Amino acid sequence: MRIGIITGEFPPMQGGVGDYSLELACEMAKSGHKLFVLTNMQARQDGPVPGVTMQASVEQWGRWGQSRAPRGIQQAVDWVKANQLDVVNIQYQAAAYNMHAAANDLPHRLTSLVPVVTTFHDLLVPYLFPKAGPLRKRAIYQMAQNSTGIIVTNRQDEAELKEAGNMPPVARIPIGSNIAVNPPPNYDRKAWRSRKGIAPNAFLIGFFGFINRSKGVDTLAHAVRILTETYKQDVHLVFIGGQTGTSDESNVQQADIAQELIGGLGITRSVHWTGFVDAELVSANLMACDVVALPFKDGVSLRRGTLMATLAHGCPIVTTFPAQTDPDLVDGFAMRMAPPDD
C-alpha cells in the first residue's frame, strides 16, 4: 500500500508524537509498504529515513493561503494527490500542531480523496479564541466524526468518543515505547552513577518527559525535600531528556517554574538535568535509577509514552492512580500508585 502519515512534528524535532510517527513509518516500510510523511519544515532530516519519503514543508497549519484554505491543509491535499496515496493516517495531538485548530479540518478536506484514519494521542483541545469553551471540544469531536476510522491509545479516550456518538469505527491500540532498551556499549550501571556523583548507597529517582502542568513536578520536588531534610536520606533526582520539546511553548514557562521551585526548596544540589540526549543515553539513565517517579496530576494512562518507555526498561515505577478504573493499570502490578499531589 501507499500509506501517508501526517504529523505536526517529526524528528529531529523533540516530541513524543514525532518519535512515535517515525517508529510507525519505519515498521510499516519494513513490512513492504511505501511510506510518505508530511510534516513541519523544522523536521528536515540530515539524511534520508530508509523506506520513507519525507516532505517537511509545512511552516504553519494555521496560516491562510491564496486559496483561502489554511496553507498546511492545502499542502496536504496536494501531497495526497501527488503521491496517489491509498490511505492517510493523521497522528494527532493538539500541541504537536502548535494548538492550531486548522489541523482539525484535515479529515474533512481529505476524505473525498482518500480514506483517513486519525490517531488521537489524547483528546486535549486546541486553541480557538478566548472563551471558546465547548467549541474547542467540538473541534475534536468533528475531527473524529469526519474521519473514516479512529485509533485511540487508552480506554478513557475510547469511552469518551463512543459516548459522544455518531463516530466511525474506533480501535484502541496502545502505543509502544519510543526508546529501545539499548544503552551505550559496555554500559556499567555503577560506573554510570559514579560519574554523576551518585554515591553507591544513594537513592536515585528518575523523571522522564517534558515538564508541563500535568506532570506533577512540583509534587516530586516537595517529596525530594521531605526525604532529604526530614528523613535525612541521601536522595538524588535526575530529569531525563529535554524539558520543553519543540511544539508546546507553554512547556518553557513550566520548566522555568520548576527550576525556581527546586531552588526555593533548597534541593538544587540533589537535582541533575541531562538535557535533550539521544535514545542510548535516555536508556542508560533510566537503567541507572532506583525508581522512576511519574506523578501525573490527571492520573497514569497508557497514552503516556514516558510510562511505556519506563515499563520497557523494567524500572520500578511510582505513579498516580488513573482518573478512571483501568484493568490494565493496577496498583502493585508493575507499578505502585498514590493519589495525585500526594
Protein backbone atom coordinates (compact mmCIF):
# COMPACT_ATOMS: atom_id res chain seq x y z
CA MET A 1 0.00 0.00 0.00
CA ARG A 2 0.94 3.63 -0.43
CA ILE A 3 0.47 4.94 3.10
CA GLY A 4 0.68 8.60 4.10
CA ILE A 5 1.34 9.84 7.63
CA ILE A 6 0.58 13.45 8.56
CA THR A 7 2.17 14.63 11.78
CA GLY A 8 2.71 18.05 13.28
CA GLU A 9 6.18 17.07 14.49
CA PHE A 10 8.83 14.61 13.38
CA PRO A 11 12.48 14.05 14.38
CA PRO A 12 14.81 15.85 14.78
CA MET A 13 12.03 17.93 16.40
CA GLN A 14 11.63 16.93 20.05
CA GLY A 15 8.28 15.37 20.86
CA GLY A 16 6.66 12.03 21.58
CA VAL A 17 4.20 12.20 18.67
CA GLY A 18 7.05 12.77 16.24
CA ASP A 19 9.10 9.92 17.70
CA TYR A 20 6.08 7.61 17.53
CA SER A 21 5.39 8.62 13.91
CA LEU A 22 8.97 7.76 12.95
CA GLU A 23 8.78 4.34 14.62
CA LEU A 24 5.45 3.59 12.93
CA ALA A 25 6.63 4.71 9.49
CA CYS A 26 9.80 2.62 9.69
CA GLU A 27 7.95 -0.51 10.83
CA MET A 28 5.36 -0.17 8.04
CA ALA A 29 8.15 0.33 5.49
CA LYS A 30 9.86 -2.85 6.76
CA SER A 31 6.55 -4.66 6.12
CA GLY A 32 6.76 -3.77 2.43
CA HIS A 33 4.55 -0.69 2.24
CA LYS A 34 5.53 2.60 0.61
CA LEU A 35 5.52 5.31 3.26
CA PHE A 36 5.10 9.05 2.79
CA VAL A 37 5.30 11.60 5.60
CA LEU A 38 4.05 15.21 5.54
CA THR A 39 5.24 17.29 8.46
CA ASN A 40 6.66 20.55 9.79
CA MET A 41 9.54 22.19 7.92
CA GLN A 42 11.60 22.08 11.14
CA ALA A 43 11.79 18.31 10.74
CA ARG A 44 14.14 18.32 7.77
CA GLN A 45 16.41 15.34 8.22
CA ASP A 46 20.19 15.33 8.00
CA GLY A 47 19.83 12.15 5.97
CA PRO A 48 17.05 10.01 4.48
CA VAL A 49 14.82 7.77 6.58
CA PRO A 50 15.05 4.29 4.98
CA GLY A 51 11.87 3.41 3.11
CA VAL A 52 10.16 6.72 3.88
CA THR A 53 9.59 9.64 1.50
CA MET A 54 9.67 12.82 3.57
CA GLN A 55 8.03 16.16 2.80
CA ALA A 56 8.95 18.53 5.63
CA SER A 57 7.36 21.64 4.15
CA VAL A 58 4.59 22.90 6.45
CA GLU A 59 5.51 26.18 8.10
CA GLN A 60 2.21 26.77 9.89
CA TRP A 61 -1.04 24.84 9.86
CA GLY A 62 -2.97 27.94 10.89
CA ARG A 63 -2.00 30.47 8.23
CA TRP A 64 -4.16 31.10 5.21
CA GLY A 65 -3.00 30.68 1.62
CA GLN A 66 -4.27 32.33 -1.55
CA SER A 67 -6.97 29.68 -1.94
CA ARG A 68 -8.40 30.73 1.48
CA ALA A 69 -7.62 27.24 2.72
CA PRO A 70 -5.04 27.03 5.53
CA ARG A 71 -1.67 26.63 3.87
CA GLY A 72 -0.82 23.37 5.64
CA ILE A 73 -4.22 21.93 4.70
CA GLN A 74 -3.72 22.83 1.04
CA GLN A 75 -0.30 21.22 1.09
CA ALA A 76 -1.90 18.07 2.48
CA VAL A 77 -4.44 18.00 -0.36
CA ASP A 78 -1.72 18.45 -2.99
CA TRP A 79 0.52 15.88 -1.25
CA VAL A 80 -2.22 13.20 -1.27
CA LYS A 81 -2.86 13.75 -4.99
CA ALA A 82 0.81 13.87 -5.99
CA ASN A 83 1.69 10.62 -4.21
CA GLN A 84 -1.50 8.75 -5.16
CA LEU A 85 -1.96 7.54 -1.60
CA ASP A 86 -4.19 4.60 -0.66
CA VAL A 87 -4.78 5.75 2.92
CA VAL A 88 -3.73 8.61 5.21
CA ASN A 89 -3.03 8.29 8.93
CA ILE A 90 -3.14 11.57 10.87
CA GLN A 91 -1.10 11.46 14.07
CA TYR A 92 -2.97 14.00 16.18
CA GLN A 93 -2.23 15.80 19.40
CA ALA A 94 -3.16 19.48 19.62
CA ALA A 95 0.23 20.55 20.99
CA ALA A 96 2.05 18.88 18.08
CA TYR A 97 0.23 21.28 15.74
CA ASN A 98 1.06 24.31 17.94
CA MET A 99 -2.56 24.25 19.20
CA HIS A 100 -3.82 25.44 15.79
CA ALA A 101 -7.37 24.24 15.16
CA ALA A 102 -6.77 24.33 11.40
CA ALA A 103 -5.30 20.83 11.68
CA ASN A 104 -8.67 19.59 12.97
CA ASP A 105 -10.08 20.19 9.48
CA LEU A 106 -7.71 17.71 7.84
CA PRO A 107 -10.15 14.74 7.70
CA HIS A 108 -12.94 16.94 6.30
CA ARG A 109 -10.67 18.14 3.50
CA LEU A 110 -9.07 14.78 2.68
CA THR A 111 -11.77 12.09 2.95
CA SER A 112 -13.13 12.93 -0.51
CA LEU A 113 -9.71 11.92 -1.87
CA VAL A 114 -8.61 9.03 0.34
CA PRO A 115 -9.66 7.10 3.48
CA VAL A 116 -8.40 8.92 6.57
CA VAL A 117 -7.60 7.19 9.88
CA THR A 118 -6.97 9.62 12.73
CA THR A 119 -4.85 8.51 15.67
CA PHE A 120 -5.69 10.58 18.74
CA HIS A 121 -2.76 10.54 21.15
CA ASP A 122 -5.08 12.34 23.53
CA LEU A 123 -8.30 14.37 23.36
CA LEU A 124 -6.87 17.61 24.71
CA VAL A 125 -8.40 20.55 22.89
CA PRO A 126 -6.78 23.07 20.50
CA TYR A 127 -6.82 26.85 20.90
CA LEU A 128 -9.59 28.66 19.01
CA PHE A 129 -10.13 32.06 20.60
CA PRO A 130 -10.61 33.43 24.13
CA LYS A 131 -13.64 31.97 25.93
CA ALA A 132 -14.28 29.45 23.12
CA GLY A 133 -15.37 26.97 25.81
CA PRO A 134 -17.31 23.97 24.46
CA LEU A 135 -16.40 24.83 20.85
CA ARG A 136 -12.89 23.60 21.50
CA LYS A 137 -14.06 20.10 22.41
CA ARG A 138 -16.46 20.17 19.46
CA ALA A 139 -13.46 20.71 17.17
CA ILE A 140 -12.02 17.39 18.42
CA TYR A 141 -15.31 15.53 18.02
CA GLN A 142 -15.87 16.86 14.50
CA MET A 143 -12.36 15.81 13.53
CA ALA A 144 -13.18 12.31 14.73
CA GLN A 145 -16.60 12.25 13.04
CA ASN A 146 -15.12 13.36 9.71
CA SER A 147 -12.53 10.57 9.76
CA THR A 148 -13.01 7.20 8.07
CA GLY A 149 -11.71 5.45 11.18
CA ILE A 150 -10.29 6.36 14.58
CA ILE A 151 -7.44 4.99 16.70
CA VAL A 152 -7.20 5.85 20.39
CA THR A 153 -4.45 4.86 22.79
CA ASN A 154 -6.36 4.25 26.03
CA ARG A 155 -9.72 3.15 27.43
CA GLN A 156 -10.71 6.60 28.74
CA ASP A 157 -10.48 8.27 25.33
CA GLU A 158 -12.24 5.30 23.73
CA ALA A 159 -15.18 5.67 26.10
CA GLU A 160 -15.38 9.45 25.61
CA LEU A 161 -15.55 9.26 21.82
CA LYS A 162 -18.11 6.46 21.83
CA GLU A 163 -20.24 8.42 24.31
CA ALA A 164 -20.07 11.49 22.06
CA GLY A 165 -21.90 9.49 19.38
CA ASN A 166 -22.02 9.48 15.59
CA MET A 167 -18.48 8.19 15.33
CA PRO A 168 -16.82 5.99 12.69
CA PRO A 169 -15.24 2.71 13.86
CA VAL A 170 -12.95 3.22 16.88
CA ALA A 171 -9.99 0.94 17.63
CA ARG A 172 -7.94 1.08 20.82
CA ILE A 173 -4.24 0.47 20.11
CA PRO A 174 -1.91 1.33 23.00
CA ILE A 175 1.33 2.99 21.97
CA GLY A 176 4.66 1.30 22.48
CA SER A 177 7.93 2.66 23.76
CA ASN A 178 9.82 5.12 21.55
CA ILE A 179 13.01 4.33 23.49
CA ALA A 180 14.61 0.94 22.90
CA VAL A 181 16.40 -0.81 25.77
CA ASN A 182 19.76 -0.03 24.23
CA PRO A 183 22.31 1.70 26.49
CA PRO A 184 25.78 2.61 25.16
CA PRO A 185 28.26 -0.25 24.59
CA ASN A 186 29.93 -1.61 27.73
CA TYR A 187 27.39 0.18 29.92
CA ASP A 188 28.07 -0.30 33.63
CA ARG A 189 25.37 0.93 35.99
CA LYS A 190 27.63 1.55 38.99
CA ALA A 191 30.22 3.41 36.92
CA TRP A 192 27.50 5.47 35.25
CA ARG A 193 26.09 6.56 38.60
CA SER A 194 29.55 7.28 39.98
CA ARG A 195 30.37 9.63 37.10
CA LYS A 196 27.27 11.63 38.00
CA GLY A 197 28.37 11.92 41.63
CA ILE A 198 25.80 9.42 42.91
CA ALA A 199 27.24 7.53 45.90
CA PRO A 200 26.82 3.72 45.94
CA ASN A 201 24.28 3.89 48.80
CA ALA A 202 22.40 6.91 47.46
CA PHE A 203 18.85 6.56 46.16
CA LEU A 204 18.35 7.88 42.61
CA ILE A 205 14.87 8.94 41.50
CA GLY A 206 14.29 9.45 37.78
CA PHE A 207 11.77 11.64 35.99
CA PHE A 208 11.40 11.20 32.24
CA GLY A 209 9.49 13.51 29.91
CA PHE A 210 8.77 17.14 29.17
CA ILE A 211 7.73 19.40 32.02
CA ASN A 212 4.15 20.64 31.79
CA ARG A 213 1.23 21.30 34.11
CA SER A 214 0.04 17.71 34.11
CA LYS A 215 3.33 16.07 35.12
CA GLY A 216 3.32 16.81 38.87
CA VAL A 217 6.92 18.03 39.02
CA ASP A 218 6.01 20.31 41.94
CA THR A 219 4.82 17.28 43.94
CA LEU A 220 8.03 15.43 43.12
CA ALA A 221 10.22 18.36 44.17
CA HIS A 222 8.45 18.64 47.54
CA ALA A 223 8.84 14.86 48.04
CA VAL A 224 12.60 15.10 47.48
CA ARG A 225 12.85 17.94 50.01
CA ILE A 226 10.95 15.88 52.61
CA LEU A 227 13.21 12.87 52.02
CA THR A 228 16.41 14.90 52.26
CA GLU A 229 15.53 17.31 55.08
CA THR A 230 13.02 15.45 57.26
CA TYR A 231 14.21 11.89 56.79
CA LYS A 232 17.90 12.77 56.14
CA GLN A 233 18.08 10.43 53.15
CA ASP A 234 20.81 10.68 50.50
CA VAL A 235 18.38 11.13 47.63
CA HIS A 236 19.06 12.44 44.14
CA LEU A 237 16.60 13.32 41.37
CA VAL A 238 17.54 13.21 37.68
CA PHE A 239 15.40 14.82 34.98
CA ILE A 240 15.99 12.70 31.89
CA GLY A 241 15.68 14.24 28.43
CA GLY A 242 14.65 17.66 27.18
CA GLN A 243 12.47 19.79 29.40
CA THR A 244 10.28 21.56 26.85
CA GLY A 245 10.17 19.87 23.43
CA THR A 246 9.71 21.74 20.16
CA SER A 247 5.96 22.17 19.73
CA ASP A 248 4.38 23.26 23.03
CA GLU A 249 5.59 26.74 24.01
CA SER A 250 3.82 26.57 27.38
CA ASN A 251 6.36 23.94 28.50
CA VAL A 252 9.07 26.61 28.60
CA GLN A 253 7.18 28.55 31.27
CA GLN A 254 6.51 25.39 33.28
CA ALA A 255 10.18 24.39 33.14
CA ASP A 256 11.18 27.81 34.47
CA ILE A 257 8.65 27.50 37.30
CA ALA A 258 10.02 24.03 38.18
CA GLN A 259 13.60 25.27 38.34
CA GLU A 260 12.58 28.21 40.55
CA LEU A 261 10.71 25.83 42.86
CA ILE A 262 13.70 23.49 43.14
CA GLY A 263 15.93 26.44 44.02
CA GLY A 264 13.42 27.75 46.57
CA LEU A 265 13.19 24.36 48.26
CA GLY A 266 16.96 24.22 48.65
CA ILE A 267 17.41 20.92 46.81
CA THR A 268 19.40 22.17 43.81
CA ARG A 269 22.46 20.08 44.74
CA SER A 270 20.32 16.93 44.75
CA VAL A 271 18.84 17.54 41.30
CA HIS A 272 20.51 16.68 37.99
CA TRP A 273 19.43 17.57 34.43
CA THR A 274 20.57 15.56 31.41
CA GLY A 275 19.06 17.93 28.84
CA PHE A 276 17.99 16.53 25.48
CA VAL A 277 20.02 13.39 24.78
CA ASP A 278 19.83 10.60 22.22
CA ALA A 279 17.93 7.38 22.83
CA GLU A 280 21.00 5.46 24.02
CA LEU A 281 21.64 7.96 26.81
CA VAL A 282 17.95 8.04 27.79
CA SER A 283 18.13 4.25 28.07
CA ALA A 284 21.29 4.42 30.18
CA ASN A 285 19.82 6.97 32.58
CA LEU A 286 16.59 5.01 33.02
CA MET A 287 18.57 1.88 33.85
CA ALA A 288 20.64 3.82 36.41
CA CYS A 289 17.62 4.84 38.51
CA ASP A 290 16.40 3.07 41.64
CA VAL A 291 12.86 4.23 40.89
CA VAL A 292 11.16 6.35 38.24
CA ALA A 293 8.53 8.75 39.57
CA LEU A 294 5.73 9.83 37.21
CA PRO A 295 3.30 11.82 39.40
CA PHE A 296 0.75 12.73 36.71
CA LYS A 297 -1.85 15.15 38.05
CA ASP A 298 -4.51 13.68 35.75
CA GLY A 299 -3.62 10.09 36.60
CA VAL A 300 -1.49 7.49 34.88
CA SER A 301 -2.60 6.46 31.39
CA LEU A 302 -1.37 4.20 28.61
CA ARG A 303 -1.29 7.24 26.33
CA ARG A 304 1.90 8.32 28.13
CA GLY A 305 4.96 7.42 26.08
CA THR A 306 7.18 8.09 29.08
CA LEU A 307 5.34 5.40 31.03
CA MET A 308 5.70 2.92 28.19
CA ALA A 309 9.46 3.57 27.92
CA THR A 310 9.88 3.16 31.67
CA LEU A 311 7.95 -0.11 31.62
CA ALA A 312 10.03 -1.37 28.69
CA HIS A 313 13.18 -0.77 30.74
CA GLY A 314 11.86 -2.75 33.70
CA CYS A 315 12.16 0.21 36.05
CA PRO A 316 10.41 0.29 39.43
CA ILE A 317 7.70 2.93 39.00
CA VAL A 318 5.76 5.16 41.36
CA THR A 319 2.90 7.00 39.70
CA THR A 320 -0.66 8.19 40.37
CA PHE A 321 -3.93 6.29 40.26
CA PRO A 322 -5.67 6.51 36.86
CA ALA A 323 -8.52 9.01 36.54
CA GLN A 324 -10.86 6.12 35.75
CA THR A 325 -10.58 2.46 36.65
CA ASP A 326 -8.46 0.66 34.06
CA PRO A 327 -7.86 -3.12 34.30
CA ASP A 328 -4.52 -2.63 32.53
CA LEU A 329 -3.27 -0.29 35.26
CA VAL A 330 -3.39 -1.82 38.73
CA ASP A 331 -1.59 -0.71 41.89
CA GLY A 332 1.05 -3.27 42.80
CA PHE A 333 1.33 -4.77 39.31
CA ALA A 334 4.39 -3.29 37.53
CA MET A 335 3.98 -0.04 39.47
CA ARG A 336 2.88 1.45 42.76
CA MET A 337 0.32 4.24 42.83
CA ALA A 338 -0.55 7.21 45.01
CA PRO A 339 -3.18 9.94 44.74
CA PRO A 340 -2.21 12.97 42.62
CA ASP A 341 -0.48 15.78 44.55
CA ASP A 342 0.39 13.41 47.43
